[in-house]
Amino acid sequence: MRRKDREITDEEAIEEIVKGCKICHVAMADGGEPYVVPLSFGYERQGRKLTLYFHSAREGRKLDILHRNHRVCFEMALEGEPVHAKTPCNSGYYFSSVIGWGNVEFIENIEEKCHALSMLMKHQTGQEVLFAEEQARNVCVYKVCTEDYTGKRKNRN
């Protein structure tokens, strides 16, 4: 990271950003063309290992791309605040963000799918939701497990 003064290395601080975000932007490559989608997500963290869970319909461009190329980059950011300065070059934005890289793994095991969907609902709604096997069978569920991510923040001085 170029701006080491803005880097967040504390795992708890990074998780607070993840916890505060409801949408994760997932970027992938469709041949030579970049493609990014905003997705609702759930997560778990064990030490440095961050697991993001996603779900979608069972078909579409995103899934076609991910089946060909599992490598992704993801980004999430808390709502920030604009910095208004006297000169445009000194204007900017206060922010907190997490960016990471990993490989998508499609989840086929029904119990693991139910767990992933429960984690997604817990993160999105704050409620414990149990999924029936039939519900899990009707959606595509996938995850990104990674230790390759970083946090960044620009605070008020």
N, C-alpha and C. Protein backbone atom coordinates (compact mmCIF):
# COMPACT_ATOMS: atom_id res chain seq x y z
N MET A 1 0.85 -1.18 0.00
CA MET A 1 0.00 0.00 0.00
C MET A 1 0.89 1.24 0.00
N ARG A 2 0.57 2.15 -0.90
CA ARG A 2 1.38 3.36 -1.03
C ARG A 2 1.27 4.25 0.20
N ARG A 3 0.06 4.49 0.69
CA ARG A 3 -0.15 5.39 1.83
C ARG A 3 -0.19 4.58 3.13
N LYS A 4 0.98 4.27 3.65
CA LYS A 4 1.07 3.48 4.89
C LYS A 4 0.40 4.19 6.06
N ASP A 5 0.32 5.52 6.01
CA ASP A 5 -0.32 6.26 7.10
C ASP A 5 -1.83 6.02 7.14
N ARG A 6 -2.39 5.48 6.07
CA ARG A 6 -3.83 5.20 6.03
C ARG A 6 -4.14 3.71 6.16
N GLU A 7 -3.12 2.89 6.17
CA GLU A 7 -3.32 1.44 6.24
C GLU A 7 -3.86 1.03 7.60
N ILE A 8 -4.81 0.11 7.60
CA ILE A 8 -5.35 -0.47 8.83
C ILE A 8 -4.80 -1.89 8.92
N THR A 9 -4.08 -2.18 9.99
CA THR A 9 -3.52 -3.52 10.16
C THR A 9 -4.22 -4.30 11.27
N ASP A 10 -4.94 -3.62 12.14
CA ASP A 10 -5.64 -4.27 13.24
C ASP A 10 -6.84 -5.06 12.70
N GLU A 11 -6.85 -6.37 12.95
CA GLU A 11 -7.92 -7.24 12.44
C GLU A 11 -9.29 -6.84 12.96
N GLU A 12 -9.37 -6.42 14.20
CA GLU A 12 -10.66 -6.02 14.78
C GLU A 12 -11.19 -4.77 14.08
N ALA A 13 -10.32 -3.83 13.77
CA ALA A 13 -10.73 -2.61 13.07
C ALA A 13 -11.20 -2.92 11.66
N ILE A 14 -10.52 -3.84 11.00
CA ILE A 14 -10.94 -4.25 9.65
C ILE A 14 -12.30 -4.93 9.73
N GLU A 15 -12.49 -5.80 10.72
CA GLU A 15 -13.78 -6.48 10.84
C GLU A 15 -14.90 -5.48 11.12
N GLU A 16 -14.63 -4.42 11.85
CA GLU A 16 -15.66 -3.40 12.10
C GLU A 16 -16.12 -2.76 10.78
N ILE A 17 -15.20 -2.58 9.85
CA ILE A 17 -15.59 -2.05 8.54
C ILE A 17 -16.46 -3.07 7.82
N VAL A 18 -16.01 -4.33 7.77
CA VAL A 18 -16.79 -5.39 7.11
C VAL A 18 -18.17 -5.47 7.74
N LYS A 19 -18.22 -5.45 9.05
CA LYS A 19 -19.49 -5.55 9.78
C LYS A 19 -20.44 -4.41 9.42
N GLY A 20 -19.90 -3.23 9.16
CA GLY A 20 -20.72 -2.07 8.85
C GLY A 20 -21.18 -1.98 7.40
N CYS A 21 -20.64 -2.82 6.54
CA CYS A 21 -20.99 -2.80 5.12
C CYS A 21 -22.06 -3.84 4.82
N LYS A 22 -22.98 -3.50 3.96
CA LYS A 22 -24.02 -4.45 3.52
C LYS A 22 -23.80 -4.90 2.09
N ILE A 23 -23.02 -4.15 1.33
CA ILE A 23 -22.77 -4.47 -0.08
C ILE A 23 -21.27 -4.63 -0.29
N CYS A 24 -20.91 -5.65 -1.04
CA CYS A 24 -19.53 -5.91 -1.43
C CYS A 24 -19.47 -5.88 -2.95
N HIS A 25 -18.57 -5.10 -3.50
CA HIS A 25 -18.37 -5.06 -4.95
C HIS A 25 -17.35 -6.13 -5.31
N VAL A 26 -17.74 -7.03 -6.18
CA VAL A 26 -16.87 -8.14 -6.58
C VAL A 26 -16.51 -7.95 -8.05
N ALA A 27 -15.20 -7.86 -8.30
CA ALA A 27 -14.70 -7.65 -9.66
C ALA A 27 -14.10 -8.95 -10.18
N MET A 28 -14.32 -9.19 -11.46
CA MET A 28 -13.82 -10.39 -12.12
C MET A 28 -13.43 -10.03 -13.53
N ALA A 29 -12.80 -10.95 -14.23
CA ALA A 29 -12.37 -10.69 -15.61
C ALA A 29 -13.12 -11.62 -16.55
N ASP A 30 -13.78 -11.01 -17.53
CA ASP A 30 -14.48 -11.74 -18.58
C ASP A 30 -13.61 -11.68 -19.82
N GLY A 31 -12.65 -12.60 -19.91
CA GLY A 31 -11.64 -12.49 -20.95
C GLY A 31 -10.79 -11.28 -20.62
N GLY A 32 -10.74 -10.33 -21.53
CA GLY A 32 -9.97 -9.11 -21.29
C GLY A 32 -10.81 -7.97 -20.76
N GLU A 33 -12.09 -8.22 -20.50
CA GLU A 33 -13.00 -7.15 -20.07
C GLU A 33 -13.29 -7.25 -18.58
N PRO A 34 -13.07 -6.17 -17.82
CA PRO A 34 -13.42 -6.20 -16.40
C PRO A 34 -14.94 -6.19 -16.22
N TYR A 35 -15.40 -6.81 -15.15
CA TYR A 35 -16.82 -6.88 -14.83
C TYR A 35 -16.95 -6.82 -13.31
N VAL A 36 -17.77 -5.93 -12.80
CA VAL A 36 -17.93 -5.79 -11.35
C VAL A 36 -19.42 -5.78 -11.01
N VAL A 37 -19.75 -6.44 -9.90
CA VAL A 37 -21.15 -6.49 -9.46
C VAL A 37 -21.24 -6.18 -7.97
N PRO A 38 -22.26 -5.42 -7.57
CA PRO A 38 -22.50 -5.19 -6.14
C PRO A 38 -23.34 -6.35 -5.61
N LEU A 39 -22.90 -6.96 -4.50
CA LEU A 39 -23.59 -8.12 -3.95
C LEU A 39 -23.81 -7.97 -2.45
N SER A 40 -24.97 -8.41 -1.99
CA SER A 40 -25.14 -8.55 -0.55
C SER A 40 -24.29 -9.75 -0.12
N PHE A 41 -23.89 -9.76 1.14
CA PHE A 41 -22.97 -10.81 1.57
C PHE A 41 -23.13 -11.09 3.06
N GLY A 42 -22.57 -12.20 3.47
CA GLY A 42 -22.38 -12.53 4.87
C GLY A 42 -20.92 -12.88 5.05
N TYR A 43 -20.49 -13.01 6.28
CA TYR A 43 -19.06 -13.29 6.48
C TYR A 43 -18.81 -14.01 7.79
N GLU A 44 -17.62 -14.59 7.88
CA GLU A 44 -17.06 -15.13 9.12
C GLU A 44 -15.58 -14.79 9.11
N ARG A 45 -15.02 -14.59 10.30
CA ARG A 45 -13.58 -14.36 10.41
C ARG A 45 -13.03 -15.24 11.51
N GLN A 46 -11.97 -15.95 11.18
CA GLN A 46 -11.24 -16.75 12.16
C GLN A 46 -9.79 -16.32 12.06
N GLY A 47 -9.33 -15.55 13.04
CA GLY A 47 -7.98 -15.01 12.97
C GLY A 47 -7.87 -14.10 11.76
N ARG A 48 -6.89 -14.35 10.92
CA ARG A 48 -6.69 -13.55 9.71
C ARG A 48 -7.59 -14.02 8.56
N LYS A 49 -8.12 -15.24 8.65
CA LYS A 49 -8.91 -15.80 7.55
C LYS A 49 -10.30 -15.18 7.51
N LEU A 50 -10.62 -14.55 6.40
CA LEU A 50 -11.92 -13.93 6.17
C LEU A 50 -12.65 -14.74 5.12
N THR A 51 -13.88 -15.15 5.44
CA THR A 51 -14.71 -15.88 4.48
C THR A 51 -15.93 -15.03 4.18
N LEU A 52 -16.11 -14.70 2.91
CA LEU A 52 -17.28 -13.95 2.45
C LEU A 52 -18.22 -14.93 1.76
N TYR A 53 -19.51 -14.84 2.07
CA TYR A 53 -20.52 -15.71 1.46
C TYR A 53 -21.44 -14.88 0.58
N PHE A 54 -21.77 -15.43 -0.59
CA PHE A 54 -22.65 -14.77 -1.55
C PHE A 54 -23.68 -15.77 -2.06
N HIS A 55 -24.77 -15.26 -2.60
CA HIS A 55 -25.74 -16.13 -3.26
C HIS A 55 -26.28 -15.42 -4.49
N SER A 56 -26.85 -16.19 -5.38
CA SER A 56 -27.43 -15.60 -6.59
C SER A 56 -28.33 -16.63 -7.26
N ALA A 57 -28.94 -16.19 -8.35
CA ALA A 57 -29.66 -17.12 -9.20
C ALA A 57 -28.67 -18.16 -9.72
N ARG A 58 -29.17 -19.22 -10.27
CA ARG A 58 -28.30 -20.31 -10.71
C ARG A 58 -27.73 -20.11 -12.11
N GLU A 59 -28.03 -18.99 -12.73
CA GLU A 59 -27.49 -18.72 -14.07
C GLU A 59 -27.32 -17.22 -14.26
N GLY A 60 -26.54 -16.85 -15.27
CA GLY A 60 -26.32 -15.45 -15.59
C GLY A 60 -24.87 -15.18 -15.93
N ARG A 61 -24.61 -13.98 -16.40
CA ARG A 61 -23.27 -13.61 -16.84
C ARG A 61 -22.23 -13.77 -15.73
N LYS A 62 -22.56 -13.30 -14.54
CA LYS A 62 -21.61 -13.37 -13.41
C LYS A 62 -21.17 -14.82 -13.19
N LEU A 63 -22.12 -15.74 -13.14
CA LEU A 63 -21.77 -17.14 -12.90
C LEU A 63 -20.99 -17.73 -14.06
N ASP A 64 -21.36 -17.35 -15.28
CA ASP A 64 -20.60 -17.82 -16.44
C ASP A 64 -19.13 -17.42 -16.31
N ILE A 65 -18.89 -16.18 -15.93
CA ILE A 65 -17.52 -15.68 -15.78
C ILE A 65 -16.81 -16.42 -14.64
N LEU A 66 -17.47 -16.55 -13.51
CA LEU A 66 -16.83 -17.17 -12.34
C LEU A 66 -16.51 -18.65 -12.55
N HIS A 67 -17.29 -19.31 -13.37
CA HIS A 67 -16.98 -20.72 -13.67
C HIS A 67 -15.75 -20.82 -14.56
N ARG A 68 -15.52 -19.81 -15.39
CA ARG A 68 -14.33 -19.82 -16.26
C ARG A 68 -13.09 -19.32 -15.53
N ASN A 69 -13.28 -18.35 -14.63
CA ASN A 69 -12.15 -17.73 -13.93
C ASN A 69 -12.57 -17.44 -12.49
N HIS A 70 -12.05 -18.21 -11.56
CA HIS A 70 -12.44 -18.10 -10.15
C HIS A 70 -11.80 -16.91 -9.43
N ARG A 71 -10.83 -16.27 -10.03
CA ARG A 71 -10.07 -15.20 -9.36
C ARG A 71 -10.92 -13.93 -9.32
N VAL A 72 -11.01 -13.32 -8.12
CA VAL A 72 -11.79 -12.09 -7.95
C VAL A 72 -11.03 -11.10 -7.07
N CYS A 73 -11.48 -9.86 -7.16
CA CYS A 73 -11.07 -8.80 -6.25
C CYS A 73 -12.37 -8.27 -5.65
N PHE A 74 -12.37 -7.95 -4.36
CA PHE A 74 -13.58 -7.42 -3.74
C PHE A 74 -13.26 -6.12 -3.01
N GLU A 75 -14.29 -5.29 -2.88
CA GLU A 75 -14.15 -3.99 -2.21
C GLU A 75 -15.43 -3.69 -1.48
N MET A 76 -15.28 -3.14 -0.28
CA MET A 76 -16.43 -2.64 0.46
C MET A 76 -15.98 -1.39 1.23
N ALA A 77 -16.90 -0.46 1.41
CA ALA A 77 -16.55 0.79 2.08
C ALA A 77 -17.73 1.29 2.90
N LEU A 78 -17.42 1.84 4.04
CA LEU A 78 -18.44 2.50 4.85
C LEU A 78 -18.79 3.84 4.23
N GLU A 79 -19.98 4.29 4.49
CA GLU A 79 -20.39 5.61 4.01
C GLU A 79 -19.41 6.64 4.55
N GLY A 80 -18.87 7.45 3.67
CA GLY A 80 -17.87 8.44 4.06
C GLY A 80 -18.44 9.83 4.17
N GLU A 81 -17.54 10.79 4.15
CA GLU A 81 -17.94 12.19 4.28
C GLU A 81 -17.03 13.03 3.38
N PRO A 82 -17.62 13.91 2.58
CA PRO A 82 -16.78 14.74 1.71
C PRO A 82 -15.93 15.73 2.50
N VAL A 83 -14.78 16.02 1.95
CA VAL A 83 -13.87 17.02 2.51
C VAL A 83 -13.90 18.21 1.56
N HIS A 84 -14.45 19.32 2.01
CA HIS A 84 -14.52 20.51 1.18
C HIS A 84 -13.38 21.45 1.58
N ALA A 85 -12.54 21.74 0.63
CA ALA A 85 -11.39 22.62 0.89
C ALA A 85 -11.50 23.88 0.04
N LYS A 86 -10.68 24.86 0.38
CA LYS A 86 -10.69 26.12 -0.38
C LYS A 86 -10.22 25.91 -1.81
N THR A 87 -9.30 24.97 -1.99
CA THR A 87 -8.82 24.67 -3.35
C THR A 87 -9.26 23.25 -3.71
N PRO A 88 -9.68 23.05 -4.96
CA PRO A 88 -10.15 21.73 -5.38
C PRO A 88 -9.14 20.61 -5.14
N CYS A 89 -7.87 20.88 -5.30
CA CYS A 89 -6.85 19.83 -5.13
C CYS A 89 -6.75 19.34 -3.69
N ASN A 90 -7.24 20.13 -2.74
CA ASN A 90 -7.21 19.72 -1.34
C ASN A 90 -8.53 19.11 -0.88
N SER A 91 -9.51 19.05 -1.78
CA SER A 91 -10.78 18.41 -1.46
C SER A 91 -10.60 16.90 -1.54
N GLY A 92 -11.54 16.18 -1.00
CA GLY A 92 -11.44 14.72 -1.03
C GLY A 92 -12.59 14.09 -0.28
N TYR A 93 -12.29 13.00 0.40
CA TYR A 93 -13.33 12.22 1.07
C TYR A 93 -12.73 11.48 2.25
N TYR A 94 -13.40 11.54 3.40
CA TYR A 94 -13.04 10.68 4.53
C TYR A 94 -13.67 9.32 4.25
N PHE A 95 -12.95 8.24 4.49
CA PHE A 95 -13.47 6.92 4.14
C PHE A 95 -12.83 5.84 5.00
N SER A 96 -13.46 4.67 5.00
CA SER A 96 -12.92 3.44 5.57
C SER A 96 -13.29 2.33 4.60
N SER A 97 -12.30 1.55 4.17
CA SER A 97 -12.57 0.53 3.16
C SER A 97 -11.75 -0.73 3.39
N VAL A 98 -12.19 -1.80 2.77
CA VAL A 98 -11.47 -3.07 2.75
C VAL A 98 -11.43 -3.53 1.30
N ILE A 99 -10.25 -3.92 0.85
CA ILE A 99 -10.07 -4.48 -0.49
C ILE A 99 -9.32 -5.79 -0.32
N GLY A 100 -9.73 -6.80 -1.09
CA GLY A 100 -9.06 -8.10 -1.00
C GLY A 100 -9.13 -8.88 -2.29
N TRP A 101 -8.42 -10.00 -2.28
CA TRP A 101 -8.32 -10.85 -3.46
C TRP A 101 -8.50 -12.29 -3.03
N GLY A 102 -9.03 -13.10 -3.92
CA GLY A 102 -9.20 -14.52 -3.62
C GLY A 102 -9.81 -15.27 -4.77
N ASN A 103 -10.16 -16.50 -4.50
CA ASN A 103 -10.79 -17.37 -5.49
C ASN A 103 -12.18 -17.76 -5.02
N VAL A 104 -13.12 -17.71 -5.94
CA VAL A 104 -14.48 -18.13 -5.64
C VAL A 104 -14.52 -19.66 -5.57
N GLU A 105 -15.20 -20.15 -4.55
CA GLU A 105 -15.46 -21.58 -4.41
C GLU A 105 -16.97 -21.76 -4.38
N PHE A 106 -17.49 -22.56 -5.30
CA PHE A 106 -18.93 -22.83 -5.31
C PHE A 106 -19.24 -23.88 -4.25
N ILE A 107 -20.29 -23.64 -3.50
CA ILE A 107 -20.68 -24.54 -2.41
C ILE A 107 -21.79 -25.45 -2.90
N GLU A 108 -21.56 -26.74 -2.88
CA GLU A 108 -22.55 -27.72 -3.32
C GLU A 108 -23.15 -28.49 -2.14
N ASN A 109 -22.39 -28.68 -1.08
CA ASN A 109 -22.86 -29.41 0.09
C ASN A 109 -24.03 -28.65 0.72
N ILE A 110 -25.16 -29.33 0.89
CA ILE A 110 -26.38 -28.68 1.36
C ILE A 110 -26.21 -28.07 2.75
N GLU A 111 -25.57 -28.78 3.67
CA GLU A 111 -25.39 -28.23 5.02
C GLU A 111 -24.53 -26.98 4.99
N GLU A 112 -23.49 -26.99 4.16
CA GLU A 112 -22.63 -25.82 4.05
C GLU A 112 -23.37 -24.66 3.38
N LYS A 113 -24.23 -24.99 2.39
CA LYS A 113 -25.04 -23.94 1.75
C LYS A 113 -25.98 -23.30 2.77
N CYS A 114 -26.64 -24.13 3.58
CA CYS A 114 -27.55 -23.60 4.61
C CYS A 114 -26.79 -22.72 5.59
N HIS A 115 -25.60 -23.14 5.98
CA HIS A 115 -24.78 -22.33 6.89
C HIS A 115 -24.42 -20.99 6.24
N ALA A 116 -23.98 -21.04 4.99
CA ALA A 116 -23.60 -19.81 4.28
C ALA A 116 -24.78 -18.85 4.17
N LEU A 117 -25.95 -19.38 3.82
CA LEU A 117 -27.15 -18.53 3.71
C LEU A 117 -27.53 -17.96 5.07
N SER A 118 -27.37 -18.74 6.13
CA SER A 118 -27.66 -18.23 7.48
C SER A 118 -26.70 -17.11 7.86
N MET A 119 -25.42 -17.26 7.50
CA MET A 119 -24.45 -16.20 7.78
C MET A 119 -24.78 -14.93 7.00
N LEU A 120 -25.23 -15.10 5.77
CA LEU A 120 -25.62 -13.95 4.95
C LEU A 120 -26.79 -13.22 5.60
N MET A 121 -27.80 -13.96 6.01
CA MET A 121 -28.97 -13.32 6.63
C MET A 121 -28.62 -12.70 7.98
N LYS A 122 -27.75 -13.34 8.74
CA LYS A 122 -27.34 -12.78 10.02
C LYS A 122 -26.65 -11.44 9.82
N HIS A 123 -25.78 -11.36 8.82
CA HIS A 123 -25.08 -10.10 8.56
C HIS A 123 -26.04 -9.04 8.03
N GLN A 124 -26.93 -9.41 7.14
CA GLN A 124 -27.82 -8.44 6.51
C GLN A 124 -28.95 -7.97 7.43
N THR A 125 -29.45 -8.87 8.29
CA THR A 125 -30.63 -8.53 9.10
C THR A 125 -30.37 -8.52 10.60
N GLY A 126 -29.26 -9.12 11.03
CA GLY A 126 -28.99 -9.24 12.45
C GLY A 126 -29.76 -10.38 13.11
N GLN A 127 -30.49 -11.15 12.31
CA GLN A 127 -31.31 -12.24 12.85
C GLN A 127 -30.73 -13.60 12.49
N GLU A 128 -30.91 -14.55 13.39
CA GLU A 128 -30.52 -15.94 13.13
C GLU A 128 -31.64 -16.56 12.29
N VAL A 129 -31.30 -17.01 11.10
CA VAL A 129 -32.28 -17.61 10.20
C VAL A 129 -31.77 -18.99 9.81
N LEU A 130 -32.63 -19.99 9.96
CA LEU A 130 -32.28 -21.35 9.55
C LEU A 130 -32.92 -21.63 8.20
N PHE A 131 -32.17 -22.25 7.32
CA PHE A 131 -32.67 -22.55 5.99
C PHE A 131 -32.97 -24.03 5.84
N ALA A 132 -34.07 -24.33 5.17
CA ALA A 132 -34.41 -25.71 4.84
C ALA A 132 -33.58 -26.14 3.63
N GLU A 133 -33.36 -27.44 3.53
CA GLU A 133 -32.57 -27.96 2.41
C GLU A 133 -33.17 -27.54 1.07
N GLU A 134 -34.48 -27.55 0.96
CA GLU A 134 -35.13 -27.20 -0.30
C GLU A 134 -34.83 -25.75 -0.69
N GLN A 135 -34.81 -24.85 0.29
CA GLN A 135 -34.47 -23.46 0.00
C GLN A 135 -33.04 -23.35 -0.52
N ALA A 136 -32.13 -24.07 0.09
CA ALA A 136 -30.72 -24.00 -0.31
C ALA A 136 -30.50 -24.60 -1.70
N ARG A 137 -31.29 -25.59 -2.06
CA ARG A 137 -31.14 -26.22 -3.38
C ARG A 137 -31.49 -25.26 -4.52
N ASN A 138 -32.34 -24.28 -4.23
CA ASN A 138 -32.86 -23.42 -5.29
C ASN A 138 -31.98 -22.23 -5.63
N VAL A 139 -30.85 -22.06 -4.94
CA VAL A 139 -29.97 -20.92 -5.22
C VAL A 139 -28.54 -21.39 -5.39
N CYS A 140 -27.76 -20.55 -6.03
CA CYS A 140 -26.32 -20.78 -6.15
C CYS A 140 -25.67 -20.06 -4.97
N VAL A 141 -24.79 -20.76 -4.28
CA VAL A 141 -24.09 -20.19 -3.12
C VAL A 141 -22.60 -20.38 -3.34
N TYR A 142 -21.84 -19.33 -3.06
CA TYR A 142 -20.39 -19.41 -3.25
C TYR A 142 -19.70 -18.56 -2.20
N LYS A 143 -18.40 -18.77 -2.07
CA LYS A 143 -17.64 -18.07 -1.04
C LYS A 143 -16.27 -17.70 -1.56
N VAL A 144 -15.68 -16.74 -0.87
CA VAL A 144 -14.28 -16.37 -1.07
C VAL A 144 -13.63 -16.47 0.31
N CYS A 145 -12.67 -17.37 0.45
CA CYS A 145 -11.88 -17.51 1.69
C CYS A 145 -10.51 -16.90 1.41
N THR A 146 -10.12 -15.94 2.21
CA THR A 146 -8.86 -15.26 1.91
C THR A 146 -8.18 -14.72 3.16
N GLU A 147 -6.89 -14.60 3.08
CA GLU A 147 -6.10 -13.86 4.05
C GLU A 147 -5.42 -12.69 3.35
N ASP A 148 -5.76 -12.49 2.08
CA ASP A 148 -5.14 -11.46 1.25
C ASP A 148 -6.08 -10.26 1.11
N TYR A 149 -6.08 -9.42 2.12
CA TYR A 149 -6.93 -8.22 2.11
C TYR A 149 -6.27 -7.15 2.96
N THR A 150 -6.73 -5.94 2.77
CA THR A 150 -6.16 -4.82 3.51
C THR A 150 -7.26 -3.81 3.82
N GLY A 151 -7.07 -3.08 4.90
CA GLY A 151 -7.98 -2.01 5.26
C GLY A 151 -7.30 -0.67 5.07
N LYS A 152 -8.10 0.33 4.76
CA LYS A 152 -7.55 1.67 4.56
C LYS A 152 -8.56 2.68 5.08
N ARG A 153 -8.04 3.77 5.66
CA ARG A 153 -8.92 4.78 6.24
C ARG A 153 -8.29 6.16 6.09
N LYS A 154 -9.14 7.12 5.77
CA LYS A 154 -8.73 8.53 5.82
C LYS A 154 -9.63 9.19 6.85
N ASN A 155 -9.03 9.63 7.95
CA ASN A 155 -9.76 10.25 9.06
C ASN A 155 -9.61 11.76 9.02
N ARG A 156 -10.46 12.40 9.81
CA ARG A 156 -10.25 13.82 10.09
C ARG A 156 -8.99 13.95 10.92
N ASN A 157 -8.21 14.97 10.70
CA ASN A 157 -6.99 15.18 11.50
C ASN A 157 -7.28 15.98 12.74
